[in-house]
Amino acid sequence: MIVTAIIYIFLAIGLIFNLLASIALIRFPDVYTRLHGGTKCTTFGSIFLSGAIIIYGLKEWYLNPSVSSPVLPVHVFIALIAILVTNPTGAHAIARAAHKSGVMPVKAVVDDLKEEREKEEKK
């Protein structure tokens, strides 16, 4: 009973984070803030959704032990590790490409990389 409640709580938290990510993609003004909001929220949402699935899989393994029972939690854990590595890495690559192509943040006060970009353009 408690485990089922924890699973539902994790599912709700994960869905809320993913909903916030979709709102961030619509509401934020430029590519950098959209990447920040979308990446951070989907990463946290994926953590909680995967956690719910892992807990469910472990519960089923405990209640109905069989040879194939640990397959679901192990696969979801491997997928979660892949998401945790690739999501921020991909967002960083997109942000770096946007900056190198000259896309400026909205209302940017300081751009530490502007001098570096100007030096590269002079070459």
PDB file of N, CA and C in Angstrom:
ATOM      1  N   MET A   1       0.825  -1.203   0.000  1.00  0.00           N
ATOM      2  CA  MET A   1       0.000   0.000   0.000  1.00  0.00           C
ATOM      3  C   MET A   1       0.866   1.262   0.000  1.00  0.00           C
ATOM      4  N   ILE A   2       1.853   1.297   0.882  1.00  0.00           N
ATOM      5  CA  ILE A   2       2.747   2.460   0.951  1.00  0.00           C
ATOM      6  C   ILE A   2       3.576   2.558  -0.318  1.00  0.00           C
ATOM      7  N   VAL A   3       4.033   1.418  -0.816  1.00  0.00           N
ATOM      8  CA  VAL A   3       4.849   1.415  -2.032  1.00  0.00           C
ATOM      9  C   VAL A   3       4.041   1.934  -3.215  1.00  0.00           C
ATOM     10  N   THR A   4       2.791   1.546  -3.302  1.00  0.00           N
ATOM     11  CA  THR A   4       1.925   2.031  -4.376  1.00  0.00           C
ATOM     12  C   THR A   4       1.728   3.536  -4.277  1.00  0.00           C
ATOM     13  N   ALA A   5       1.581   4.040  -3.068  1.00  0.00           N
ATOM     14  CA  ALA A   5       1.437   5.490  -2.873  1.00  0.00           C
ATOM     15  C   ALA A   5       2.712   6.219  -3.303  1.00  0.00           C
ATOM     16  N   ILE A   6       3.864   5.654  -2.976  1.00  0.00           N
ATOM     17  CA  ILE A   6       5.137   6.264  -3.384  1.00  0.00           C
ATOM     18  C   ILE A   6       5.254   6.270  -4.910  1.00  0.00           C
ATOM     19  N   ILE A   7       4.840   5.188  -5.543  1.00  0.00           N
ATOM     20  CA  ILE A   7       4.879   5.126  -7.006  1.00  0.00           C
ATOM     21  C   ILE A   7       4.001   6.218  -7.613  1.00  0.00           C
ATOM     22  N   TYR A   8       2.789   6.378  -7.094  1.00  0.00           N
ATOM     23  CA  TYR A   8       1.898   7.417  -7.618  1.00  0.00           C
ATOM     24  C   TYR A   8       2.442   8.821  -7.353  1.00  0.00           C
ATOM     25  N   ILE A   9       3.055   9.024  -6.216  1.00  0.00           N
ATOM     26  CA  ILE A   9       3.656  10.336  -5.917  1.00  0.00           C
ATOM     27  C   ILE A   9       4.792  10.629  -6.886  1.00  0.00           C
ATOM     28  N   PHE A  10       5.653   9.632  -7.124  1.00  0.00           N
ATOM     29  CA  PHE A  10       6.749   9.826  -8.081  1.00  0.00           C
ATOM     30  C   PHE A  10       6.210  10.102  -9.482  1.00  0.00           C
ATOM     31  N   LEU A  11       5.170   9.383  -9.879  1.00  0.00           N
ATOM     32  CA  LEU A  11       4.572   9.630 -11.198  1.00  0.00           C
ATOM     33  C   LEU A  11       4.019  11.051 -11.298  1.00  0.00           C
ATOM     34  N   ALA A  12       3.348  11.504 -10.248  1.00  0.00           N
ATOM     35  CA  ALA A  12       2.778  12.863 -10.260  1.00  0.00           C
ATOM     36  C   ALA A  12       3.883  13.915 -10.326  1.00  0.00           C
ATOM     37  N   ILE A  13       4.942  13.734  -9.539  1.00  0.00           N
ATOM     38  CA  ILE A  13       6.046  14.697  -9.556  1.00  0.00           C
ATOM     39  C   ILE A  13       6.705  14.717 -10.937  1.00  0.00           C
ATOM     40  N   GLY A  14       6.930  13.551 -11.521  1.00  0.00           N
ATOM     41  CA  GLY A  14       7.535  13.480 -12.848  1.00  0.00           C
ATOM     42  C   GLY A  14       6.679  14.142 -13.910  1.00  0.00           C
ATOM     43  N   LEU A  15       5.378  13.915 -13.845  1.00  0.00           N
ATOM     44  CA  LEU A  15       4.482  14.543 -14.820  1.00  0.00           C
ATOM     45  C   LEU A  15       4.439  16.058 -14.650  1.00  0.00           C
ATOM     46  N   ILE A  16       4.481  16.524 -13.412  1.00  0.00           N
ATOM     47  CA  ILE A  16       4.483  17.976 -13.169  1.00  0.00           C
ATOM     48  C   ILE A  16       5.750  18.610 -13.738  1.00  0.00           C
ATOM     49  N   PHE A  17       6.905  17.964 -13.506  1.00  0.00           N
ATOM     50  CA  PHE A  17       8.147  18.511 -14.057  1.00  0.00           C
ATOM     51  C   PHE A  17       8.115  18.534 -15.584  1.00  0.00           C
ATOM     52  N   ASN A  18       7.606  17.486 -16.209  1.00  0.00           N
ATOM     53  CA  ASN A  18       7.532  17.470 -17.667  1.00  0.00           C
ATOM     54  C   ASN A  18       6.532  18.497 -18.195  1.00  0.00           C
ATOM     55  N   LEU A  19       5.456  18.737 -17.463  1.00  0.00           N
ATOM     56  CA  LEU A  19       4.516  19.788 -17.841  1.00  0.00           C
ATOM     57  C   LEU A  19       5.183  21.165 -17.737  1.00  0.00           C
ATOM     58  N   LEU A  20       5.954  21.367 -16.675  1.00  0.00           N
ATOM     59  CA  LEU A  20       6.685  22.633 -16.537  1.00  0.00           C
ATOM     60  C   LEU A  20       7.688  22.823 -17.667  1.00  0.00           C
ATOM     61  N   ALA A  21       8.298  21.750 -18.131  1.00  0.00           N
ATOM     62  CA  ALA A  21       9.234  21.846 -19.252  1.00  0.00           C
ATOM     63  C   ALA A  21       8.522  22.296 -20.519  1.00  0.00           C
ATOM     64  N   SER A  22       7.332  21.776 -20.759  1.00  0.00           N
ATOM     65  CA  SER A  22       6.599  22.198 -21.952  1.00  0.00           C
ATOM     66  C   SER A  22       6.159  23.650 -21.847  1.00  0.00           C
ATOM     67  N   ILE A  23       5.813  24.088 -20.655  1.00  0.00           N
ATOM     68  CA  ILE A  23       5.467  25.500 -20.452  1.00  0.00           C
ATOM     69  C   ILE A  23       6.693  26.378 -20.663  1.00  0.00           C
ATOM     70  N   ALA A  24       7.856  25.913 -20.199  1.00  0.00           N
ATOM     71  CA  ALA A  24       9.094  26.682 -20.378  1.00  0.00           C
ATOM     72  C   ALA A  24       9.415  26.868 -21.856  1.00  0.00           C
ATOM     73  N   LEU A  25       9.164  25.855 -22.664  1.00  0.00           N
ATOM     74  CA  LEU A  25       9.445  25.976 -24.094  1.00  0.00           C
ATOM     75  C   LEU A  25       8.549  27.009 -24.762  1.00  0.00           C
ATOM     76  N   ILE A  26       7.358  27.188 -24.235  1.00  0.00           N
ATOM     77  CA  ILE A  26       6.429  28.153 -24.822  1.00  0.00           C
ATOM     78  C   ILE A  26       6.681  29.565 -24.284  1.00  0.00           C
ATOM     79  N   ARG A  27       6.941  29.694 -22.992  1.00  0.00           N
ATOM     80  CA  ARG A  27       6.956  30.998 -22.338  1.00  0.00           C
ATOM     81  C   ARG A  27       8.300  31.726 -22.374  1.00  0.00           C
ATOM     82  N   PHE A  28       9.412  31.018 -22.372  1.00  0.00           N
ATOM     83  CA  PHE A  28      10.703  31.688 -22.254  1.00  0.00           C
ATOM     84  C   PHE A  28      11.080  32.365 -23.563  1.00  0.00           C
ATOM     85  N   PRO A  29      11.831  33.484 -23.490  1.00  0.00           N
ATOM     86  CA  PRO A  29      12.005  34.340 -24.662  1.00  0.00           C
ATOM     87  C   PRO A  29      13.054  33.895 -25.680  1.00  0.00           C
ATOM     88  N   ASP A  30      14.120  33.208 -25.264  1.00  0.00           N
ATOM     89  CA  ASP A  30      15.173  32.886 -26.224  1.00  0.00           C
ATOM     90  C   ASP A  30      15.627  31.443 -26.079  1.00  0.00           C
ATOM     91  N   VAL A  31      16.533  31.052 -26.958  1.00  0.00           N
ATOM     92  CA  VAL A  31      16.953  29.654 -27.020  1.00  0.00           C
ATOM     93  C   VAL A  31      17.656  29.214 -25.737  1.00  0.00           C
ATOM     94  N   TYR A  32      18.367  30.108 -25.097  1.00  0.00           N
ATOM     95  CA  TYR A  32      19.141  29.728 -23.912  1.00  0.00           C
ATOM     96  C   TYR A  32      18.232  29.445 -22.711  1.00  0.00           C
ATOM     97  N   THR A  33      17.290  30.306 -22.477  1.00  0.00           N
ATOM     98  CA  THR A  33      16.389  30.075 -21.345  1.00  0.00           C
ATOM     99  C   THR A  33      15.444  28.916 -21.632  1.00  0.00           C
ATOM    100  N   ARG A  34      15.062  28.739 -22.887  1.00  0.00           N
ATOM    101  CA  ARG A  34      14.225  27.585 -23.236  1.00  0.00           C
ATOM    102  C   ARG A  34      14.984  26.277 -23.018  1.00  0.00           C
ATOM    103  N   LEU A  35      16.251  26.258 -23.418  1.00  0.00           N
ATOM    104  CA  LEU A  35      17.066  25.068 -23.180  1.00  0.00           C
ATOM    105  C   LEU A  35      17.222  24.800 -21.691  1.00  0.00           C
ATOM    106  N   HIS A  36      17.452  25.844 -20.929  1.00  0.00           N
ATOM    107  CA  HIS A  36      17.635  25.681 -19.487  1.00  0.00           C
ATOM    108  C   HIS A  36      16.379  25.111 -18.844  1.00  0.00           C
ATOM    109  N   GLY A  37      15.247  25.739 -19.113  1.00  0.00           N
ATOM    110  CA  GLY A  37      13.989  25.279 -18.519  1.00  0.00           C
ATOM    111  C   GLY A  37      13.597  23.892 -18.998  1.00  0.00           C
ATOM    112  N   GLY A  38      13.723  23.672 -20.296  1.00  0.00           N
ATOM    113  CA  GLY A  38      13.336  22.380 -20.844  1.00  0.00           C
ATOM    114  C   GLY A  38      14.233  21.245 -20.391  1.00  0.00           C
ATOM    115  N   THR A  39      15.536  21.481 -20.409  1.00  0.00           N
ATOM    116  CA  THR A  39      16.479  20.421 -20.045  1.00  0.00           C
ATOM    117  C   THR A  39      16.405  20.079 -18.571  1.00  0.00           C
ATOM    118  N   LYS A  40      16.415  21.086 -17.725  1.00  0.00           N
ATOM    119  CA  LYS A  40      16.403  20.825 -16.284  1.00  0.00           C
ATOM    120  C   LYS A  40      15.112  20.128 -15.868  1.00  0.00           C
ATOM    121  N   CYS A  41      13.982  20.615 -16.366  1.00  0.00           N
ATOM    122  CA  CYS A  41      12.697  20.025 -15.970  1.00  0.00           C
ATOM    123  C   CYS A  41      12.516  18.623 -16.525  1.00  0.00           C
ATOM    124  N   THR A  42      12.910  18.383 -17.772  1.00  0.00           N
ATOM    125  CA  THR A  42      12.742  17.033 -18.308  1.00  0.00           C
ATOM    126  C   THR A  42      13.699  16.048 -17.656  1.00  0.00           C
ATOM    127  N   THR A  43      14.874  16.530 -17.243  1.00  0.00           N
ATOM    128  CA  THR A  43      15.796  15.643 -16.533  1.00  0.00           C
ATOM    129  C   THR A  43      15.210  15.235 -15.192  1.00  0.00           C
ATOM    130  N   PHE A  44      14.715  16.205 -14.438  1.00  0.00           N
ATOM    131  CA  PHE A  44      14.097  15.877 -13.141  1.00  0.00           C
ATOM    132  C   PHE A  44      12.840  15.028 -13.335  1.00  0.00           C
ATOM    133  N   GLY A  45      12.036  15.348 -14.342  1.00  0.00           N
ATOM    134  CA  GLY A  45      10.851  14.552 -14.612  1.00  0.00           C
ATOM    135  C   GLY A  45      11.203  13.114 -14.959  1.00  0.00           C
ATOM    136  N   SER A  46      12.247  12.940 -15.748  1.00  0.00           N
ATOM    137  CA  SER A  46      12.687  11.589 -16.104  1.00  0.00           C
ATOM    138  C   SER A  46      13.201  10.833 -14.889  1.00  0.00           C
ATOM    139  N   ILE A  47      13.872  11.525 -13.985  1.00  0.00           N
ATOM    140  CA  ILE A  47      14.355  10.873 -12.766  1.00  0.00           C
ATOM    141  C   ILE A  47      13.181  10.322 -11.968  1.00  0.00           C
ATOM    142  N   PHE A  48      12.164  11.137 -11.762  1.00  0.00           N
ATOM    143  CA  PHE A  48      11.031  10.692 -10.960  1.00  0.00           C
ATOM    144  C   PHE A  48      10.195   9.626 -11.672  1.00  0.00           C
ATOM    145  N   LEU A  49       9.979   9.776 -12.978  1.00  0.00           N
ATOM    146  CA  LEU A  49       9.223   8.755 -13.710  1.00  0.00           C
ATOM    147  C   LEU A  49       9.980   7.426 -13.723  1.00  0.00           C
ATOM    148  N   SER A  50      11.286   7.506 -13.955  1.00  0.00           N
ATOM    149  CA  SER A  50      12.080   6.277 -13.929  1.00  0.00           C
ATOM    150  C   SER A  50      12.117   5.677 -12.533  1.00  0.00           C
ATOM    151  N   GLY A  51      12.183   6.529 -11.529  1.00  0.00           N
ATOM    152  CA  GLY A  51      12.158   6.034 -10.154  1.00  0.00           C
ATOM    153  C   GLY A  51      10.868   5.294  -9.849  1.00  0.00           C
ATOM    154  N   ALA A  52       9.762   5.805 -10.342  1.00  0.00           N
ATOM    155  CA  ALA A  52       8.480   5.124 -10.133  1.00  0.00           C
ATOM    156  C   ALA A  52       8.476   3.762 -10.815  1.00  0.00           C
ATOM    157  N   ILE A  53       9.012   3.701 -12.020  1.00  0.00           N
ATOM    158  CA  ILE A  53       9.042   2.426 -12.740  1.00  0.00           C
ATOM    159  C   ILE A  53       9.986   1.443 -12.057  1.00  0.00           C
ATOM    160  N   ILE A  54      11.124   1.937 -11.580  1.00  0.00           N
ATOM    161  CA  ILE A  54      12.073   1.062 -10.882  1.00  0.00           C
ATOM    162  C   ILE A  54      11.447   0.517  -9.598  1.00  0.00           C
ATOM    163  N   ILE A  55      10.785   1.371  -8.841  1.00  0.00           N
ATOM    164  CA  ILE A  55      10.132   0.910  -7.614  1.00  0.00           C
ATOM    165  C   ILE A  55       9.042  -0.111  -7.934  1.00  0.00           C
ATOM    166  N   TYR A  56       8.271   0.150  -8.997  1.00  0.00           N
ATOM    167  CA  TYR A  56       7.243  -0.810  -9.405  1.00  0.00           C
ATOM    168  C   TYR A  56       7.874  -2.147  -9.784  1.00  0.00           C
ATOM    169  N   GLY A  57       8.942  -2.105 -10.568  1.00  0.00           N
ATOM    170  CA  GLY A  57       9.604  -3.331 -10.977  1.00  0.00           C
ATOM    171  C   GLY A  57      10.178  -4.110  -9.803  1.00  0.00           C
ATOM    172  N   LEU A  58      10.766  -3.394  -8.841  1.00  0.00           N
ATOM    173  CA  LEU A  58      11.301  -4.062  -7.656  1.00  0.00           C
ATOM    174  C   LEU A  58      10.188  -4.655  -6.798  1.00  0.00           C
ATOM    175  N   LYS A  59       9.052  -3.936  -6.737  1.00  0.00           N
ATOM    176  CA  LYS A  59       7.907  -4.464  -5.989  1.00  0.00           C
ATOM    177  C   LYS A  59       7.395  -5.751  -6.623  1.00  0.00           C
ATOM    178  N   GLU A  60       7.274  -5.752  -7.935  1.00  0.00           N
ATOM    179  CA  GLU A  60       6.822  -6.957  -8.634  1.00  0.00           C
ATOM    180  C   GLU A  60       7.826  -8.098  -8.477  1.00  0.00           C
ATOM    181  N   TRP A  61       9.104  -7.770  -8.484  1.00  0.00           N
ATOM    182  CA  TRP A  61      10.137  -8.780  -8.310  1.00  0.00           C
ATOM    183  C   TRP A  61      10.058  -9.397  -6.915  1.00  0.00           C
ATOM    184  N   TYR A  62       9.779  -8.554  -5.932  1.00  0.00           N
ATOM    185  CA  TYR A  62       9.664  -9.048  -4.556  1.00  0.00           C
ATOM    186  C   TYR A  62       8.420  -9.921  -4.379  1.00  0.00           C
ATOM    187  N   LEU A  63       7.308  -9.500  -4.986  1.00  0.00           N
ATOM    188  CA  LEU A  63       6.049 -10.239  -4.809  1.00  0.00           C
ATOM    189  C   LEU A  63       5.962 -11.491  -5.680  1.00  0.00           C
ATOM    190  N   ASN A  64       6.507 -11.430  -6.889  1.00  0.00           N
ATOM    191  CA  ASN A  64       6.441 -12.558  -7.823  1.00  0.00           C
ATOM    192  C   ASN A  64       7.846 -12.855  -8.355  1.00  0.00           C
ATOM    193  N   PRO A  65       8.710 -13.436  -7.554  1.00  0.00           N
ATOM    194  CA  PRO A  65      10.085 -13.656  -8.021  1.00  0.00           C
ATOM    195  C   PRO A  65      10.139 -14.652  -9.176  1.00  0.00           C
ATOM    196  N   SER A  66      10.851 -14.264 -10.206  1.00  0.00           N
ATOM    197  CA  SER A  66      11.109 -15.147 -11.344  1.00  0.00           C
ATOM    198  C   SER A  66      12.422 -14.703 -11.979  1.00  0.00           C
ATOM    199  N   VAL A  67      12.834 -15.427 -12.995  1.00  0.00           N
ATOM    200  CA  VAL A  67      14.106 -15.127 -13.639  1.00  0.00           C
ATOM    201  C   VAL A  67      14.044 -13.785 -14.373  1.00  0.00           C
ATOM    202  N   SER A  68      12.913 -13.470 -14.982  1.00  0.00           N
ATOM    203  CA  SER A  68      12.806 -12.247 -15.778  1.00  0.00           C
ATOM    204  C   SER A  68      12.344 -11.035 -14.965  1.00  0.00           C
ATOM    205  N   SER A  69      12.148 -11.175 -13.684  1.00  0.00           N
ATOM    206  CA  SER A  69      11.649 -10.066 -12.876  1.00  0.00           C
ATOM    207  C   SER A  69      12.580  -8.854 -12.813  1.00  0.00           C
ATOM    208  N   PRO A  70      13.900  -9.030 -12.681  1.00  0.00           N
ATOM    209  CA  PRO A  70      14.758  -7.845 -12.559  1.00  0.00           C
ATOM    210  C   PRO A  70      15.036  -7.132 -13.874  1.00  0.00           C
ATOM    211  N   VAL A  71      14.484  -7.608 -14.977  1.00  0.00           N
ATOM    212  CA  VAL A  71      14.774  -7.021 -16.284  1.00  0.00           C
ATOM    213  C   VAL A  71      14.270  -5.579 -16.364  1.00  0.00           C
ATOM    214  N   LEU A  72      13.047  -5.318 -15.942  1.00  0.00           N
ATOM    215  CA  LEU A  72      12.470  -3.973 -16.033  1.00  0.00           C
ATOM    216  C   LEU A  72      13.261  -2.950 -15.220  1.00  0.00           C
ATOM    217  N   PRO A  73      13.520  -3.157 -13.934  1.00  0.00           N
ATOM    218  CA  PRO A  73      14.276  -2.141 -13.191  1.00  0.00           C
ATOM    219  C   PRO A  73      15.682  -1.916 -13.732  1.00  0.00           C
ATOM    220  N   VAL A  74      16.337  -2.978 -14.185  1.00  0.00           N
ATOM    221  CA  VAL A  74      17.704  -2.823 -14.703  1.00  0.00           C
ATOM    222  C   VAL A  74      17.704  -2.020 -15.989  1.00  0.00           C
ATOM    223  N   HIS A  75      16.783  -2.325 -16.902  1.00  0.00           N
ATOM    224  CA  HIS A  75      16.724  -1.579 -18.162  1.00  0.00           C
ATOM    225  C   HIS A  75      16.358  -0.114 -17.934  1.00  0.00           C
ATOM    226  N   VAL A  76      15.436   0.135 -17.030  1.00  0.00           N
ATOM    227  CA  VAL A  76      15.049   1.525 -16.755  1.00  0.00           C
ATOM    228  C   VAL A  76      16.208   2.276 -16.108  1.00  0.00           C
ATOM    229  N   PHE A  77      16.957   1.616 -15.238  1.00  0.00           N
ATOM    230  CA  PHE A  77      18.114   2.265 -14.615  1.00  0.00           C
ATOM    231  C   PHE A  77      19.170   2.614 -15.662  1.00  0.00           C
ATOM    232  N   ILE A  78      19.418   1.706 -16.598  1.00  0.00           N
ATOM    233  CA  ILE A  78      20.383   1.991 -17.673  1.00  0.00           C
ATOM    234  C   ILE A  78      19.885   3.145 -18.542  1.00  0.00           C
ATOM    235  N   ALA A  79      18.602   3.170 -18.856  1.00  0.00           N
ATOM    236  CA  ALA A  79      18.034   4.267 -19.640  1.00  0.00           C
ATOM    237  C   ALA A  79      18.131   5.588 -18.880  1.00  0.00           C
ATOM    238  N   LEU A  80      17.922   5.551 -17.568  1.00  0.00           N
ATOM    239  CA  LEU A  80      18.029   6.764 -16.758  1.00  0.00           C
ATOM    240  C   LEU A  80      19.455   7.307 -16.776  1.00  0.00           C
ATOM    241  N   ILE A  81      20.442   6.426 -16.672  1.00  0.00           N
ATOM    242  CA  ILE A  81      21.838   6.867 -16.747  1.00  0.00           C
ATOM    243  C   ILE A  81      22.108   7.512 -18.107  1.00  0.00           C
ATOM    244  N   ALA A  82      21.595   6.926 -19.168  1.00  0.00           N
ATOM    245  CA  ALA A  82      21.777   7.506 -20.505  1.00  0.00           C
ATOM    246  C   ALA A  82      21.127   8.885 -20.596  1.00  0.00           C
ATOM    247  N   ILE A  83      19.941   9.036 -20.027  1.00  0.00           N
ATOM    248  CA  ILE A  83      19.263  10.338 -20.043  1.00  0.00           C
ATOM    249  C   ILE A  83      20.052  11.365 -19.243  1.00  0.00           C
ATOM    250  N   LEU A  84      20.556  10.966 -18.090  1.00  0.00           N
ATOM    251  CA  LEU A  84      21.312  11.888 -17.239  1.00  0.00           C
ATOM    252  C   LEU A  84      22.606  12.347 -17.897  1.00  0.00           C
ATOM    253  N   VAL A  85      23.167  11.535 -18.779  1.00  0.00           N
ATOM    254  CA  VAL A  85      24.395  11.921 -19.466  1.00  0.00           C
ATOM    255  C   VAL A  85      24.093  12.728 -20.723  1.00  0.00           C
ATOM    256  N   THR A  86      23.140  12.278 -21.517  1.00  0.00           N
ATOM    257  CA  THR A  86      22.929  12.895 -22.828  1.00  0.00           C
ATOM    258  C   THR A  86      22.084  14.164 -22.799  1.00  0.00           C
ATOM    259  N   ASN A  87      21.157  14.292 -21.863  1.00  0.00           N
ATOM    260  CA  ASN A  87      20.278  15.464 -21.847  1.00  0.00           C
ATOM    261  C   ASN A  87      21.071  16.759 -21.610  1.00  0.00           C
ATOM    262  N   PRO A  88      21.872  16.876 -20.559  1.00  0.00           N
ATOM    263  CA  PRO A  88      22.641  18.103 -20.379  1.00  0.00           C
ATOM    264  C   PRO A  88      23.724  18.302 -21.442  1.00  0.00           C
ATOM    265  N   THR A  89      24.301  17.209 -21.910  1.00  0.00           N
ATOM    266  CA  THR A  89      25.340  17.311 -22.933  1.00  0.00           C
ATOM    267  C   THR A  89      24.764  17.857 -24.240  1.00  0.00           C
ATOM    268  N   GLY A  90      23.608  17.350 -24.622  1.00  0.00           N
ATOM    269  CA  GLY A  90      22.958  17.839 -25.832  1.00  0.00           C
ATOM    270  C   GLY A  90      22.540  19.297 -25.712  1.00  0.00           C
ATOM    271  N   ALA A  91      22.026  19.680 -24.559  1.00  0.00           N
ATOM    272  CA  ALA A  91      21.630  21.075 -24.357  1.00  0.00           C
ATOM    273  C   ALA A  91      22.843  21.997 -24.417  1.00  0.00           C
ATOM    274  N   HIS A  92      23.956  21.549 -23.848  1.00  0.00           N
ATOM    275  CA  HIS A  92      25.173  22.358 -23.907  1.00  0.00           C
ATOM    276  C   HIS A  92      25.652  22.521 -25.351  1.00  0.00           C
ATOM    277  N   ALA A  93      25.602  21.459 -26.125  1.00  0.00           N
ATOM    278  CA  ALA A  93      26.028  21.528 -27.523  1.00  0.00           C
ATOM    279  C   ALA A  93      25.126  22.471 -28.325  1.00  0.00           C
ATOM    280  N   ILE A  94      23.832  22.418 -28.084  1.00  0.00           N
ATOM    281  CA  ILE A  94      22.902  23.309 -28.790  1.00  0.00           C
ATOM    282  C   ILE A  94      23.148  24.758 -28.397  1.00  0.00           C
ATOM    283  N   ALA A  95      23.342  25.014 -27.107  1.00  0.00           N
ATOM    284  CA  ALA A  95      23.595  26.386 -26.645  1.00  0.00           C
ATOM    285  C   ALA A  95      24.910  26.914 -27.207  1.00  0.00           C
ATOM    286  N   ARG A  96      25.920  26.079 -27.240  1.00  0.00           N
ATOM    287  CA  ARG A  96      27.215  26.506 -27.782  1.00  0.00           C
ATOM    288  C   ARG A  96      27.106  26.799 -29.279  1.00  0.00           C
ATOM    289  N   ALA A  97      26.368  25.973 -30.003  1.00  0.00           N
ATOM    290  CA  ALA A  97      26.179  26.214 -31.436  1.00  0.00           C
ATOM    291  C   ALA A  97      25.387  27.498 -31.670  1.00  0.00           C
ATOM    292  N   ALA A  98      24.377  27.747 -30.836  1.00  0.00           N
ATOM    293  CA  ALA A  98      23.602  28.979 -30.974  1.00  0.00           C
ATOM    294  C   ALA A  98      24.480  30.197 -30.704  1.00  0.00           C
ATOM    295  N   HIS A  99      25.334  30.108 -29.698  1.00  0.00           N
ATOM    296  CA  HIS A  99      26.209  31.241 -29.377  1.00  0.00           C
ATOM    297  C   HIS A  99      27.232  31.467 -30.478  1.00  0.00           C
ATOM    298  N   LYS A 100      27.792  30.388 -31.011  1.00  0.00           N
ATOM    299  CA  LYS A 100      28.782  30.535 -32.087  1.00  0.00           C
ATOM    300  C   LYS A 100      28.161  31.080 -33.364  1.00  0.00           C
ATOM    301  N   SER A 101      26.869  30.827 -33.568  1.00  0.00           N
ATOM    302  CA  SER A 101      26.219  31.353 -34.766  1.00  0.00           C
ATOM    303  C   SER A 101      25.709  32.774 -34.571  1.00  0.00           C
ATOM    304  N   GLY A 102      25.926  33.341 -33.388  1.00  0.00           N
ATOM    305  CA  GLY A 102      25.607  34.745 -33.165  1.00  0.00           C
ATOM    306  C   GLY A 102      24.270  35.012 -32.515  1.00  0.00           C
ATOM    307  N   VAL A 103      23.576  34.014 -32.056  1.00  0.00           N
ATOM    308  CA  VAL A 103      22.299  34.214 -31.380  1.00  0.00           C
ATOM    309  C   VAL A 103      22.586  34.769 -29.989  1.00  0.00           C
ATOM    310  N   MET A 104      22.095  35.961 -29.726  1.00  0.00           N
ATOM    311  CA  MET A 104      22.354  36.605 -28.436  1.00  0.00           C
ATOM    312  C   MET A 104      21.178  36.379 -27.497  1.00  0.00           C
ATOM    313  N   PRO A 105      21.473  36.233 -26.210  1.00  0.00           N
ATOM    314  CA  PRO A 105      20.384  36.107 -25.241  1.00  0.00           C
ATOM    315  C   PRO A 105      19.584  37.405 -25.138  1.00  0.00           C
ATOM    316  N   VAL A 106      18.311  37.275 -24.834  1.00  0.00           N
ATOM    317  CA  VAL A 106      17.469  38.446 -24.648  1.00  0.00           C
ATOM    318  C   VAL A 106      17.872  39.118 -23.335  1.00  0.00           C
ATOM    319  N   LYS A 107      18.027  40.438 -23.373  1.00  0.00           N
ATOM    320  CA  LYS A 107      18.379  41.239 -22.199  1.00  0.00           C
ATOM    321  C   LYS A 107      19.693  40.795 -21.556  1.00  0.00           C
ATOM    322  N   ALA A 108      20.678  40.412 -22.384  1.00  0.00           N
ATOM    323  CA  ALA A 108      21.976  40.010 -21.848  1.00  0.00           C
ATOM    324  C   ALA A 108      22.758  41.240 -21.433  1.00  0.00           C
ATOM    325  N   VAL A 109      23.311  41.218 -20.247  1.00  0.00           N
ATOM    326  CA  VAL A 109      24.086  42.335 -19.730  1.00  0.00           C
ATOM    327  C   VAL A 109      25.571  42.110 -19.999  1.00  0.00           C
ATOM    328  N   VAL A 110      26.071  40.930 -19.707  1.00  0.00           N
ATOM    329  CA  VAL A 110      27.482  40.616 -19.855  1.00  0.00           C
ATOM    330  C   VAL A 110      27.611  39.382 -20.745  1.00  0.00           C
ATOM    331  N   ASP A 111      28.502  39.476 -21.712  1.00  0.00           N
ATOM    332  CA  ASP A 111      28.787  38.333 -22.572  1.00  0.00           C
ATOM    333  C   ASP A 111      30.290  38.093 -22.525  1.00  0.00           C
ATOM    334  N   ASP A 112      30.706  37.175 -21.698  1.00  0.00           N
ATOM    335  CA  ASP A 112      32.125  36.892 -21.522  1.00  0.00           C
ATOM    336  C   ASP A 112      32.756  36.265 -22.763  1.00  0.00           C
ATOM    337  N   LEU A 113      31.976  35.646 -23.587  1.00  0.00           N
ATOM    338  CA  LEU A 113      32.521  34.966 -24.755  1.00  0.00           C
ATOM    339  C   LEU A 113      32.523  35.836 -26.006  1.00  0.00           C
ATOM    340  N   LYS A 114      32.058  37.079 -25.897  1.00  0.00           N
ATOM    341  CA  LYS A 114      31.974  37.941 -27.068  1.00  0.00           C
ATOM    342  C   LYS A 114      33.363  38.246 -27.632  1.00  0.00           C
ATOM    343  N   GLU A 115      34.326  38.536 -26.763  1.00  0.00           N
ATOM    344  CA  GLU A 115      35.677  38.824 -27.227  1.00  0.00           C
ATOM    345  C   GLU A 115      36.278  37.611 -27.925  1.00  0.00           C
ATOM    346  N   GLU A 116      36.035  36.441 -27.379  1.00  0.00           N
ATOM    347  CA  GLU A 116      36.560  35.221 -27.991  1.00  0.00           C
ATOM    348  C   GLU A 116      35.961  35.022 -29.379  1.00  0.00           C
ATOM    349  N   ARG A 117      34.676  35.282 -29.533  1.00  0.00           N
ATOM    350  CA  ARG A 117      34.022  35.118 -30.825  1.00  0.00           C
ATOM    351  C   ARG A 117      34.549  36.140 -31.827  1.00  0.00           C
ATOM    352  N   GLU A 118      34.794  37.374 -31.370  1.00  0.00           N
ATOM    353  CA  GLU A 118      35.313  38.410 -32.265  1.00  0.00           C
ATOM    354  C   GLU A 118      36.727  38.074 -32.733  1.00  0.00           C
ATOM    355  N   LYS A 119      37.539  37.482 -31.864  1.00  0.00           N
ATOM    356  CA  LYS A 119      38.879  37.069 -32.251  1.00  0.00           C
ATOM    357  C   LYS A 119      38.827  35.984 -33.316  1.00  0.00           C
ATOM    358  N   GLU A 120      37.901  35.046 -33.168  1.00  0.00           N
ATOM    359  CA  GLU A 120      37.764  33.968 -34.139  1.00  0.00           C
ATOM    360  C   GLU A 120      37.277  34.492 -35.487  1.00  0.00           C
ATOM    361  N   GLU A 121      36.423  35.532 -35.477  1.00  0.00           N
ATOM    362  CA  GLU A 121      35.918  36.095 -36.730  1.00  0.00           C
ATOM    363  C   GLU A 121      37.001  36.846 -37.480  1.00  0.00           C
ATOM    364  N   LYS A 122      37.966  37.446 -36.755  1.00  0.00           N
ATOM    365  CA  LYS A 122      39.050  38.203 -37.394  1.00  0.00           C
ATOM    366  C   LYS A 122      40.052  37.282 -38.102  1.00  0.00           C
ATOM    367  N   LYS A 123      40.118  36.024 -37.655  1.00  0.00           N
ATOM    368  CA  LYS A 123      41.105  35.088 -38.251  1.00  0.00           C
ATOM    369  C   LYS A 123      40.736  34.682 -39.628  1.00  0.00           C
TER     370      LYS A 123
END
